[in-house]
Amino acid sequence: MTTTTAPTPARPVAGPKLRTRRGHSVDKPRRSVLLTVLTTVVGLYAVVPLAWLVINATKAQEDLFGSFGLWFAGDFSLLSNIADTLTYNDGIFVRWLGNTLLYVVVGAGGATALAVLGGYGLAKFTFPGKRAVFAIVIGAVAVPGTALAVPTFLMFSQMGLTNTPWAVIIPSLISPFGLYLMWTFAAEAIPTELLEAARVDGASEVRTFAQICLPLLGPGIVTVLLFTMVATWNNYFLPLIMLKDPDWYPLTVGLNSWNAQAATSGGQAIFNLVITGSVLTIVPLIAAFLLLQRFWQSGLASGSVKE
């Protein structure tokens, strides 16, 4: 009786590692010292001012100029500074915060909605003059917003809209960059065959857009929303020339008026409140980026790989 021995499985042979011209493995690419140094410099450029702001928000008014800027003072005054910021001048900071939220929700939200509708229409519909619209959008992206502030002020003053919230909200509704971004995103994210299948099944254009296209446009919508929200939140020059009543100031203009208060005759220096108010101003933006970061990254990367 003969017995057979099962063959021993062959060990997998590792393939040769790909190497570059200078002999560096693809798995372990060569480290660039220059790139590391530049990244460190850029990181410090972004982090150091934020660290200075947070550290000095913990100091009282008299400790701001008597201690090192990048280290804490003896007394930790963050909570008292926050309380004084929220209650100073009958709580005007809270009013400015509400105004900024109003401008962001209505202005940035409206700009995002218009960009989504316009970008979808320009990407998926053909009509006469489409190339002219494309040229106008690209030209509008190249024009800085500050160049249009004075003409907008003259036009709104003739219409009687200055010193009202509409003077800030209406210009914020227009976002050429957001429109262009949604245009290019919708062209890649929504297959034309999917729209044709929905139309064959009898779905209306509104239903096709709401139930099929909007979920596919989610990452792009979040990306445009972040850009428009940051632009509206940090908007300074437009409300500066449009608004005279401090009750309608956004946070940017309001904090600048507090900062300039020390230079006026008989004005009180409240630099600790300006610094604390600046910290409170950036907290919502940081929270928004942290919450929407994964949608934002996927929106920027969409269409980068073509299958």
C-alpha atoms as a PDB file:
ATOM      1  CA  MET A   1       0.000   0.000   0.000  1.00  0.00           C
ATOM      2  CA  THR A   2       1.441   3.283  -1.086  1.00  0.00           C
ATOM      3  CA  THR A   3       0.949   6.549   0.699  1.00  0.00           C
ATOM      4  CA  THR A   4       1.041   9.960  -0.857  1.00  0.00           C
ATOM      5  CA  THR A   5       2.295  13.037   0.868  1.00  0.00           C
ATOM      6  CA  ALA A   6       0.415  16.275   0.425  1.00  0.00           C
ATOM      7  CA  PRO A   7       2.498  18.845  -1.360  1.00  0.00           C
ATOM      8  CA  THR A   8       3.868  21.598   0.830  1.00  0.00           C
ATOM      9  CA  PRO A   9       2.367  24.937  -0.116  1.00  0.00           C
ATOM     10  CA  ALA A  10       4.864  27.198  -1.688  1.00  0.00           C
ATOM     11  CA  ARG A  11       5.792  30.302   0.215  1.00  0.00           C
ATOM     12  CA  PRO A  12       4.737  33.513  -1.428  1.00  0.00           C
ATOM     13  CA  VAL A  13       7.640  35.211  -3.027  1.00  0.00           C
ATOM     14  CA  ALA A  14       7.760  38.927  -2.435  1.00  0.00           C
ATOM     15  CA  GLY A  15       7.950  40.893  -5.597  1.00  0.00           C
ATOM     16  CA  PRO A  16      10.735  43.332  -6.211  1.00  0.00           C
ATOM     17  CA  LYS A  17      10.256  46.741  -4.678  1.00  0.00           C
ATOM     18  CA  LEU A  18       9.833  49.569  -7.077  1.00  0.00           C
ATOM     19  CA  ARG A  19      12.579  52.090  -6.809  1.00  0.00           C
ATOM     20  CA  THR A  20      13.013  55.572  -8.141  1.00  0.00           C
ATOM     21  CA  ARG A  21      15.938  56.723 -10.228  1.00  0.00           C
ATOM     22  CA  ARG A  22      17.910  57.621  -7.103  1.00  0.00           C
ATOM     23  CA  GLY A  23      17.305  54.234  -5.495  1.00  0.00           C
ATOM     24  CA  HIS A  24      14.587  55.192  -2.991  1.00  0.00           C
ATOM     25  CA  SER A  25      11.799  52.666  -2.405  1.00  0.00           C
ATOM     26  CA  VAL A  26       8.247  53.639  -3.242  1.00  0.00           C
ATOM     27  CA  ASP A  27       7.124  52.227   0.117  1.00  0.00           C
ATOM     28  CA  LYS A  28       9.626  54.446   1.892  1.00  0.00           C
ATOM     29  CA  PRO A  29       9.897  57.644  -0.121  1.00  0.00           C
ATOM     30  CA  ARG A  30      12.758  60.014   0.448  1.00  0.00           C
ATOM     31  CA  ARG A  31      12.085  62.654   3.089  1.00  0.00           C
ATOM     32  CA  SER A  32      12.403  66.222   1.966  1.00  0.00           C
ATOM     33  CA  VAL A  33      14.071  68.439   4.529  1.00  0.00           C
ATOM     34  CA  LEU A  34      13.015  71.582   2.687  1.00  0.00           C
ATOM     35  CA  LEU A  35       9.370  70.481   2.620  1.00  0.00           C
ATOM     36  CA  THR A  36       9.491  69.680   6.339  1.00  0.00           C
ATOM     37  CA  VAL A  37      10.939  73.098   7.149  1.00  0.00           C
ATOM     38  CA  LEU A  38       8.372  74.920   5.003  1.00  0.00           C
ATOM     39  CA  THR A  39       5.509  72.939   6.558  1.00  0.00           C
ATOM     40  CA  THR A  40       6.801  73.762  10.040  1.00  0.00           C
ATOM     41  CA  VAL A  41       7.034  77.463   9.211  1.00  0.00           C
ATOM     42  CA  VAL A  42       3.504  77.521   7.809  1.00  0.00           C
ATOM     43  CA  GLY A  43       2.211  75.622  10.841  1.00  0.00           C
ATOM     44  CA  LEU A  44       3.853  78.066  13.237  1.00  0.00           C
ATOM     45  CA  TYR A  45       2.497  80.978  11.225  1.00  0.00           C
ATOM     46  CA  ALA A  46      -1.017  79.631  11.757  1.00  0.00           C
ATOM     47  CA  VAL A  47      -0.701  78.360  15.323  1.00  0.00           C
ATOM     48  CA  VAL A  48       1.346  81.082  17.051  1.00  0.00           C
ATOM     49  CA  PRO A  49      -1.215  83.923  16.606  1.00  0.00           C
ATOM     50  CA  LEU A  50      -3.990  81.603  17.795  1.00  0.00           C
ATOM     51  CA  ALA A  51      -1.921  80.563  20.820  1.00  0.00           C
ATOM     52  CA  TRP A  52      -1.162  84.221  21.587  1.00  0.00           C
ATOM     53  CA  LEU A  53      -4.861  85.028  21.413  1.00  0.00           C
ATOM     54  CA  VAL A  54      -5.901  82.207  23.747  1.00  0.00           C
ATOM     55  CA  ILE A  55      -3.099  82.885  26.256  1.00  0.00           C
ATOM     56  CA  ASN A  56      -3.763  86.616  26.460  1.00  0.00           C
ATOM     57  CA  ALA A  57      -7.497  86.030  26.874  1.00  0.00           C
ATOM     58  CA  THR A  58      -6.634  84.662  30.310  1.00  0.00           C
ATOM     59  CA  LYS A  59      -4.993  87.924  31.431  1.00  0.00           C
ATOM     60  CA  ALA A  60      -6.468  91.021  33.012  1.00  0.00           C
ATOM     61  CA  GLN A  61      -6.085  94.440  31.419  1.00  0.00           C
ATOM     62  CA  GLU A  62      -3.070  95.419  33.544  1.00  0.00           C
ATOM     63  CA  ASP A  63      -1.262  92.115  32.810  1.00  0.00           C
ATOM     64  CA  LEU A  64      -1.384  92.418  29.018  1.00  0.00           C
ATOM     65  CA  PHE A  65       1.585  94.779  28.794  1.00  0.00           C
ATOM     66  CA  GLY A  66       3.383  93.627  31.924  1.00  0.00           C
ATOM     67  CA  SER A  67       3.945  89.979  30.999  1.00  0.00           C
ATOM     68  CA  PHE A  68       5.331  87.913  28.165  1.00  0.00           C
ATOM     69  CA  GLY A  69       2.806  87.595  25.361  1.00  0.00           C
ATOM     70  CA  LEU A  70       3.226  83.852  24.825  1.00  0.00           C
ATOM     71  CA  TRP A  71       2.966  82.847  28.471  1.00  0.00           C
ATOM     72  CA  PHE A  72       0.376  83.120  31.209  1.00  0.00           C
ATOM     73  CA  ALA A  73       0.315  85.797  33.894  1.00  0.00           C
ATOM     74  CA  GLY A  74      -0.182  85.304  37.609  1.00  0.00           C
ATOM     75  CA  ASP A  75      -3.973  85.635  37.719  1.00  0.00           C
ATOM     76  CA  PHE A  76      -6.170  83.457  35.508  1.00  0.00           C
ATOM     77  CA  SER A  77      -8.881  85.895  34.369  1.00  0.00           C
ATOM     78  CA  LEU A  78     -10.482  84.022  31.484  1.00  0.00           C
ATOM     79  CA  LEU A  79     -13.875  83.505  33.111  1.00  0.00           C
ATOM     80  CA  SER A  80     -14.064  87.096  34.346  1.00  0.00           C
ATOM     81  CA  ASN A  81     -13.030  88.373  30.905  1.00  0.00           C
ATOM     82  CA  ILE A  82     -15.769  86.311  29.260  1.00  0.00           C
ATOM     83  CA  ALA A  83     -18.338  87.638  31.729  1.00  0.00           C
ATOM     84  CA  ASP A  84     -17.200  91.233  31.189  1.00  0.00           C
ATOM     85  CA  THR A  85     -17.244  90.790  27.401  1.00  0.00           C
ATOM     86  CA  LEU A  86     -20.807  89.483  27.401  1.00  0.00           C
ATOM     87  CA  THR A  87     -22.095  92.207  29.763  1.00  0.00           C
ATOM     88  CA  TYR A  88     -20.079  95.256  28.659  1.00  0.00           C
ATOM     89  CA  ASN A  89     -22.162  98.165  27.339  1.00  0.00           C
ATOM     90  CA  ASP A  90     -25.461  96.431  28.135  1.00  0.00           C
ATOM     91  CA  GLY A  91     -24.430  93.208  26.420  1.00  0.00           C
ATOM     92  CA  ILE A  92     -23.784  94.713  22.981  1.00  0.00           C
ATOM     93  CA  PHE A  93     -21.427  91.815  22.177  1.00  0.00           C
ATOM     94  CA  VAL A  94     -24.344  89.384  22.322  1.00  0.00           C
ATOM     95  CA  ARG A  95     -26.248  91.652  19.915  1.00  0.00           C
ATOM     96  CA  TRP A  96     -23.279  91.664  17.528  1.00  0.00           C
ATOM     97  CA  LEU A  97     -23.096  87.875  17.755  1.00  0.00           C
ATOM     98  CA  GLY A  98     -26.799  87.619  16.889  1.00  0.00           C
ATOM     99  CA  ASN A  99     -26.299  89.982  13.938  1.00  0.00           C
ATOM    100  CA  THR A 100     -23.399  87.890  12.649  1.00  0.00           C
ATOM    101  CA  LEU A 101     -25.458  84.710  12.934  1.00  0.00           C
ATOM    102  CA  LEU A 102     -28.274  86.429  11.041  1.00  0.00           C
ATOM    103  CA  TYR A 103     -25.948  87.479   8.233  1.00  0.00           C
ATOM    104  CA  VAL A 104     -24.412  84.003   8.051  1.00  0.00           C
ATOM    105  CA  VAL A 105     -27.676  82.038   8.143  1.00  0.00           C
ATOM    106  CA  VAL A 106     -29.519  84.214   5.633  1.00  0.00           C
ATOM    107  CA  GLY A 107     -26.575  85.431   3.550  1.00  0.00           C
ATOM    108  CA  ALA A 108     -24.304  82.381   3.450  1.00  0.00           C
ATOM    109  CA  GLY A 109     -27.245  79.968   3.490  1.00  0.00           C
ATOM    110  CA  GLY A 110     -28.924  81.818   0.632  1.00  0.00           C
ATOM    111  CA  ALA A 111     -25.663  82.022  -1.315  1.00  0.00           C
ATOM    112  CA  THR A 112     -25.211  78.261  -0.941  1.00  0.00           C
ATOM    113  CA  ALA A 113     -28.774  77.553  -2.087  1.00  0.00           C
ATOM    114  CA  LEU A 114     -28.402  79.811  -5.130  1.00  0.00           C
ATOM    115  CA  ALA A 115     -25.023  78.285  -5.973  1.00  0.00           C
ATOM    116  CA  VAL A 116     -26.473  74.763  -5.790  1.00  0.00           C
ATOM    117  CA  LEU A 117     -29.432  75.591  -8.024  1.00  0.00           C
ATOM    118  CA  GLY A 118     -27.375  77.603 -10.494  1.00  0.00           C
ATOM    119  CA  GLY A 119     -24.496  75.137 -10.615  1.00  0.00           C
ATOM    120  CA  TYR A 120     -26.837  72.195 -11.182  1.00  0.00           C
ATOM    121  CA  GLY A 121     -28.675  74.001 -13.958  1.00  0.00           C
ATOM    122  CA  LEU A 122     -25.488  75.089 -15.688  1.00  0.00           C
ATOM    123  CA  ALA A 123     -23.959  71.612 -15.439  1.00  0.00           C
ATOM    124  CA  LYS A 124     -26.918  69.498 -16.574  1.00  0.00           C
ATOM    125  CA  PHE A 125     -28.940  71.701 -18.936  1.00  0.00           C
ATOM    126  CA  THR A 126     -28.052  73.089 -22.329  1.00  0.00           C
ATOM    127  CA  PHE A 127     -29.314  76.519 -23.373  1.00  0.00           C
ATOM    128  CA  PRO A 128     -28.216  79.362 -25.656  1.00  0.00           C
ATOM    129  CA  GLY A 129     -25.579  81.631 -24.154  1.00  0.00           C
ATOM    130  CA  LYS A 130     -24.130  79.018 -21.799  1.00  0.00           C
ATOM    131  CA  ARG A 131     -20.569  79.873 -22.782  1.00  0.00           C
ATOM    132  CA  ALA A 132     -21.243  83.554 -22.153  1.00  0.00           C
ATOM    133  CA  VAL A 133     -22.530  82.713 -18.675  1.00  0.00           C
ATOM    134  CA  PHE A 134     -19.373  80.695 -18.045  1.00  0.00           C
ATOM    135  CA  ALA A 135     -17.204  83.651 -19.055  1.00  0.00           C
ATOM    136  CA  ILE A 136     -19.191  85.986 -16.789  1.00  0.00           C
ATOM    137  CA  VAL A 137     -18.853  83.630 -13.815  1.00  0.00           C
ATOM    138  CA  ILE A 138     -15.095  83.261 -14.315  1.00  0.00           C
ATOM    139  CA  GLY A 139     -14.741  87.034 -14.615  1.00  0.00           C
ATOM    140  CA  ALA A 140     -16.773  87.572 -11.456  1.00  0.00           C
ATOM    141  CA  VAL A 141     -14.518  85.165  -9.555  1.00  0.00           C
ATOM    142  CA  ALA A 142     -11.497  87.257 -10.544  1.00  0.00           C
ATOM    143  CA  VAL A 143     -13.012  90.519  -9.237  1.00  0.00           C
ATOM    144  CA  PRO A 144     -12.281  91.122  -5.518  1.00  0.00           C
ATOM    145  CA  GLY A 145     -15.238  91.937  -3.315  1.00  0.00           C
ATOM    146  CA  THR A 146     -13.659  95.141  -2.002  1.00  0.00           C
ATOM    147  CA  ALA A 147     -13.639  96.578  -5.523  1.00  0.00           C
ATOM    148  CA  LEU A 148     -17.439  96.334  -5.615  1.00  0.00           C
ATOM    149  CA  ALA A 149     -18.056  97.700  -2.117  1.00  0.00           C
ATOM    150  CA  VAL A 150     -18.157 101.396  -3.033  1.00  0.00           C
ATOM    151  CA  PRO A 151     -20.376 100.970  -6.138  1.00  0.00           C
ATOM    152  CA  THR A 152     -22.677  98.765  -4.064  1.00  0.00           C
ATOM    153  CA  PHE A 153     -22.844 101.426  -1.362  1.00  0.00           C
ATOM    154  CA  LEU A 154     -23.766 104.135  -3.871  1.00  0.00           C
ATOM    155  CA  MET A 155     -26.473 101.937  -5.377  1.00  0.00           C
ATOM    156  CA  PHE A 156     -27.901 100.911  -2.015  1.00  0.00           C
ATOM    157  CA  SER A 157     -27.866 104.503  -0.734  1.00  0.00           C
ATOM    158  CA  GLN A 158     -30.080 105.540  -3.653  1.00  0.00           C
ATOM    159  CA  MET A 159     -32.402 102.648  -2.843  1.00  0.00           C
ATOM    160  CA  GLY A 160     -32.528 103.556   0.859  1.00  0.00           C
ATOM    161  CA  LEU A 161     -31.100 100.232   2.024  1.00  0.00           C
ATOM    162  CA  THR A 162     -27.982 101.477   3.799  1.00  0.00           C
ATOM    163  CA  ASN A 163     -27.812 101.142   7.585  1.00  0.00           C
ATOM    164  CA  THR A 164     -30.133  98.131   7.373  1.00  0.00           C
ATOM    165  CA  PRO A 165     -29.365  94.389   7.550  1.00  0.00           C
ATOM    166  CA  TRP A 166     -30.285  94.040   3.874  1.00  0.00           C
ATOM    167  CA  ALA A 167     -27.220  96.075   2.932  1.00  0.00           C
ATOM    168  CA  VAL A 168     -25.074  93.198   4.220  1.00  0.00           C
ATOM    169  CA  ILE A 169     -27.336  90.245   3.385  1.00  0.00           C
ATOM    170  CA  ILE A 170     -28.084  90.999  -0.278  1.00  0.00           C
ATOM    171  CA  PRO A 171     -24.424  91.258  -1.436  1.00  0.00           C
ATOM    172  CA  SER A 172     -23.633  88.122   0.571  1.00  0.00           C
ATOM    173  CA  LEU A 173     -26.162  86.151  -1.493  1.00  0.00           C
ATOM    174  CA  ILE A 174     -23.894  86.349  -4.539  1.00  0.00           C
ATOM    175  CA  SER A 175     -20.969  83.920  -4.538  1.00  0.00           C
ATOM    176  CA  PRO A 176     -19.371  83.506  -7.991  1.00  0.00           C
ATOM    177  CA  PHE A 177     -16.773  81.103  -6.624  1.00  0.00           C
ATOM    178  CA  GLY A 178     -19.467  78.984  -4.978  1.00  0.00           C
ATOM    179  CA  LEU A 179     -21.426  78.905  -8.240  1.00  0.00           C
ATOM    180  CA  TYR A 180     -18.370  77.832 -10.210  1.00  0.00           C
ATOM    181  CA  LEU A 181     -17.488  75.192  -7.616  1.00  0.00           C
ATOM    182  CA  MET A 182     -20.994  73.693  -7.691  1.00  0.00           C
ATOM    183  CA  TRP A 183     -20.994  73.838 -11.478  1.00  0.00           C
ATOM    184  CA  THR A 184     -17.850  71.728 -11.769  1.00  0.00           C
ATOM    185  CA  PHE A 185     -18.873  69.429  -8.915  1.00  0.00           C
ATOM    186  CA  ALA A 186     -22.344  68.722 -10.310  1.00  0.00           C
ATOM    187  CA  ALA A 187     -20.905  67.977 -13.740  1.00  0.00           C
ATOM    188  CA  GLU A 188     -18.801  65.145 -12.258  1.00  0.00           C
ATOM    189  CA  ALA A 189     -20.971  63.929  -9.372  1.00  0.00           C
ATOM    190  CA  ILE A 190     -24.264  63.431 -11.232  1.00  0.00           C
ATOM    191  CA  PRO A 191     -24.207  60.958 -14.148  1.00  0.00           C
ATOM    192  CA  THR A 192     -26.302  62.066 -17.101  1.00  0.00           C
ATOM    193  CA  GLU A 193     -27.580  58.486 -17.498  1.00  0.00           C
ATOM    194  CA  LEU A 194     -29.109  58.689 -14.024  1.00  0.00           C
ATOM    195  CA  LEU A 195     -31.093  61.779 -14.967  1.00  0.00           C
ATOM    196  CA  GLU A 196     -32.266  60.193 -18.189  1.00  0.00           C
ATOM    197  CA  ALA A 197     -33.437  57.087 -16.312  1.00  0.00           C
ATOM    198  CA  ALA A 198     -35.411  59.216 -13.869  1.00  0.00           C
ATOM    199  CA  ARG A 199     -37.054  61.136 -16.690  1.00  0.00           C
ATOM    200  CA  VAL A 200     -37.963  57.904 -18.482  1.00  0.00           C
ATOM    201  CA  ASP A 201     -39.644  56.689 -15.287  1.00  0.00           C
ATOM    202  CA  GLY A 202     -41.791  59.813 -15.315  1.00  0.00           C
ATOM    203  CA  ALA A 203     -40.130  61.770 -12.482  1.00  0.00           C
ATOM    204  CA  SER A 204     -40.442  65.532 -12.724  1.00  0.00           C
ATOM    205  CA  GLU A 205     -37.396  67.791 -12.759  1.00  0.00           C
ATOM    206  CA  VAL A 206     -38.120  68.993  -9.236  1.00  0.00           C
ATOM    207  CA  ARG A 207     -38.450  65.465  -7.893  1.00  0.00           C
ATOM    208  CA  THR A 208     -35.333  64.333  -9.741  1.00  0.00           C
ATOM    209  CA  PHE A 209     -33.340  67.193  -8.260  1.00  0.00           C
ATOM    210  CA  ALA A 210     -34.691  66.811  -4.718  1.00  0.00           C
ATOM    211  CA  GLN A 211     -34.576  63.013  -4.361  1.00  0.00           C
ATOM    212  CA  ILE A 212     -31.728  61.976  -6.643  1.00  0.00           C
ATOM    213  CA  CYS A 213     -29.364  64.878  -7.187  1.00  0.00           C
ATOM    214  CA  LEU A 214     -29.273  66.539  -3.765  1.00  0.00           C
ATOM    215  CA  PRO A 215     -27.859  63.465  -1.957  1.00  0.00           C
ATOM    216  CA  LEU A 216     -25.127  63.223  -4.589  1.00  0.00           C
ATOM    217  CA  LEU A 217     -24.342  66.930  -4.210  1.00  0.00           C
ATOM    218  CA  GLY A 218     -23.987  66.703  -0.420  1.00  0.00           C
ATOM    219  CA  PRO A 219     -20.183  67.005  -0.207  1.00  0.00           C
ATOM    220  CA  GLY A 220     -20.150  69.917  -2.647  1.00  0.00           C
ATOM    221  CA  ILE A 221     -22.936  71.684  -0.772  1.00  0.00           C
ATOM    222  CA  VAL A 222     -21.017  71.422   2.505  1.00  0.00           C
ATOM    223  CA  THR A 223     -17.860  72.706   0.819  1.00  0.00           C
ATOM    224  CA  VAL A 224     -19.605  75.759  -0.617  1.00  0.00           C
ATOM    225  CA  LEU A 225     -21.387  76.335   2.691  1.00  0.00           C
ATOM    226  CA  LEU A 226     -18.075  76.420   4.554  1.00  0.00           C
ATOM    227  CA  PHE A 227     -16.529  78.871   2.108  1.00  0.00           C
ATOM    228  CA  THR A 228     -19.505  81.229   2.117  1.00  0.00           C
ATOM    229  CA  MET A 229     -19.930  80.959   5.875  1.00  0.00           C
ATOM    230  CA  VAL A 230     -16.307  81.915   6.553  1.00  0.00           C
ATOM    231  CA  ALA A 231     -16.464  84.764   4.013  1.00  0.00           C
ATOM    232  CA  THR A 232     -19.638  86.178   5.573  1.00  0.00           C
ATOM    233  CA  TRP A 233     -18.462  85.660   9.159  1.00  0.00           C
ATOM    234  CA  ASN A 234     -15.172  87.485   8.484  1.00  0.00           C
ATOM    235  CA  ASN A 235     -16.726  90.180   6.292  1.00  0.00           C
ATOM    236  CA  TYR A 236     -15.497  93.559   7.514  1.00  0.00           C
ATOM    237  CA  PHE A 237     -15.259  96.213   4.822  1.00  0.00           C
ATOM    238  CA  LEU A 238     -18.807  95.894   3.463  1.00  0.00           C
ATOM    239  CA  PRO A 239     -20.628  96.282   6.821  1.00  0.00           C
ATOM    240  CA  LEU A 240     -18.139  98.994   7.791  1.00  0.00           C
ATOM    241  CA  ILE A 241     -19.275 101.276   4.980  1.00  0.00           C
ATOM    242  CA  MET A 242     -22.902 100.151   4.954  1.00  0.00           C
ATOM    243  CA  LEU A 243     -23.808 100.379   8.646  1.00  0.00           C
ATOM    244  CA  LYS A 244     -23.800 103.373  10.982  1.00  0.00           C
ATOM    245  CA  ASP A 245     -25.951 102.056  13.806  1.00  0.00           C
ATOM    246  CA  PRO A 246     -23.819  99.952  16.229  1.00  0.00           C
ATOM    247  CA  ASP A 247     -26.870  97.809  16.948  1.00  0.00           C
ATOM    248  CA  TRP A 248     -26.521  96.288  13.460  1.00  0.00           C
ATOM    249  CA  TYR A 249     -22.743  95.761  13.578  1.00  0.00           C
ATOM    250  CA  PRO A 250     -21.344  92.260  13.042  1.00  0.00           C
ATOM    251  CA  LEU A 251     -18.619  90.997  15.345  1.00  0.00           C
ATOM    252  CA  THR A 252     -15.780  92.136  13.090  1.00  0.00           C
ATOM    253  CA  VAL A 253     -16.839  95.783  13.002  1.00  0.00           C
ATOM    254  CA  GLY A 254     -17.965  95.783  16.626  1.00  0.00           C
ATOM    255  CA  LEU A 255     -14.662  94.461  17.986  1.00  0.00           C
ATOM    256  CA  ASN A 256     -12.761  96.978  15.874  1.00  0.00           C
ATOM    257  CA  SER A 257     -14.821  99.781  17.387  1.00  0.00           C
ATOM    258  CA  TRP A 258     -13.877  98.498  20.843  1.00  0.00           C
ATOM    259  CA  ASN A 259     -10.225  98.404  19.810  1.00  0.00           C
ATOM    260  CA  ALA A 260     -10.364 101.987  18.489  1.00  0.00           C
ATOM    261  CA  GLN A 261     -12.088 103.166  21.647  1.00  0.00           C
ATOM    262  CA  ALA A 262      -8.740 103.602  23.440  1.00  0.00           C
ATOM    263  CA  ALA A 263      -7.570 106.110  20.813  1.00  0.00           C
ATOM    264  CA  THR A 264     -10.581 108.399  21.222  1.00  0.00           C
ATOM    265  CA  SER A 265     -10.615 111.329  23.634  1.00  0.00           C
ATOM    266  CA  GLY A 266     -11.704 110.058  27.024  1.00  0.00           C
ATOM    267  CA  GLY A 267     -12.127 106.516  25.713  1.00  0.00           C
ATOM    268  CA  GLN A 268     -11.562 103.499  27.916  1.00  0.00           C
ATOM    269  CA  ALA A 269      -8.964 100.914  26.901  1.00  0.00           C
ATOM    270  CA  ILE A 270     -10.568  97.469  26.960  1.00  0.00           C
ATOM    271  CA  PHE A 271      -7.975  95.411  25.110  1.00  0.00           C
ATOM    272  CA  ASN A 272      -8.670  92.399  27.328  1.00  0.00           C
ATOM    273  CA  LEU A 273     -12.292  92.407  26.154  1.00  0.00           C
ATOM    274  CA  VAL A 274     -11.225  92.777  22.523  1.00  0.00           C
ATOM    275  CA  ILE A 275      -8.932  89.745  22.813  1.00  0.00           C
ATOM    276  CA  THR A 276     -11.529  87.679  24.675  1.00  0.00           C
ATOM    277  CA  GLY A 277     -14.206  88.664  22.170  1.00  0.00           C
ATOM    278  CA  SER A 278     -11.908  87.590  19.331  1.00  0.00           C
ATOM    279  CA  VAL A 279     -11.509  84.166  20.952  1.00  0.00           C
ATOM    280  CA  LEU A 280     -15.271  83.820  21.308  1.00  0.00           C
ATOM    281  CA  THR A 281     -15.632  84.873  17.670  1.00  0.00           C
ATOM    282  CA  ILE A 282     -13.475  82.100  16.237  1.00  0.00           C
ATOM    283  CA  VAL A 283     -14.946  79.318  18.378  1.00  0.00           C
ATOM    284  CA  PRO A 284     -18.047  78.811  16.126  1.00  0.00           C
ATOM    285  CA  LEU A 285     -15.860  78.671  13.010  1.00  0.00           C
ATOM    286  CA  ILE A 286     -13.544  76.075  14.529  1.00  0.00           C
ATOM    287  CA  ALA A 287     -16.546  74.019  15.651  1.00  0.00           C
ATOM    288  CA  ALA A 288     -18.075  74.174  12.174  1.00  0.00           C
ATOM    289  CA  PHE A 289     -14.854  73.015  10.513  1.00  0.00           C
ATOM    290  CA  LEU A 290     -14.425  70.154  12.965  1.00  0.00           C
ATOM    291  CA  LEU A 291     -18.004  68.974  12.496  1.00  0.00           C
ATOM    292  CA  LEU A 292     -18.010  69.272   8.691  1.00  0.00           C
ATOM    293  CA  GLN A 293     -14.383  68.353   8.022  1.00  0.00           C
ATOM    294  CA  ARG A 294     -15.024  64.921   6.519  1.00  0.00           C
ATOM    295  CA  PHE A 295     -17.681  66.309   4.157  1.00  0.00           C
ATOM    296  CA  TRP A 296     -15.376  69.157   3.200  1.00  0.00           C
ATOM    297  CA  GLN A 297     -12.450  66.858   2.404  1.00  0.00           C
ATOM    298  CA  SER A 298     -14.590  64.513   0.334  1.00  0.00           C
ATOM    299  CA  GLY A 299     -16.035  67.474  -1.533  1.00  0.00           C
ATOM    300  CA  LEU A 300     -12.604  68.817  -2.469  1.00  0.00           C
ATOM    301  CA  ALA A 301     -11.347  65.370  -3.528  1.00  0.00           C
ATOM    302  CA  SER A 302     -14.394  64.512  -5.634  1.00  0.00           C
ATOM    303  CA  GLY A 303     -13.533  64.169  -9.302  1.00  0.00           C
ATOM    304  CA  SER A 304      -9.776  64.034  -8.680  1.00  0.00           C
ATOM    305  CA  VAL A 305      -9.667  60.349  -9.764  1.00  0.00           C
ATOM    306  CA  LYS A 306     -11.212  59.393 -13.067  1.00  0.00           C
ATOM    307  CA  GLU A 307     -12.248  55.781 -13.486  1.00  0.00           C
END
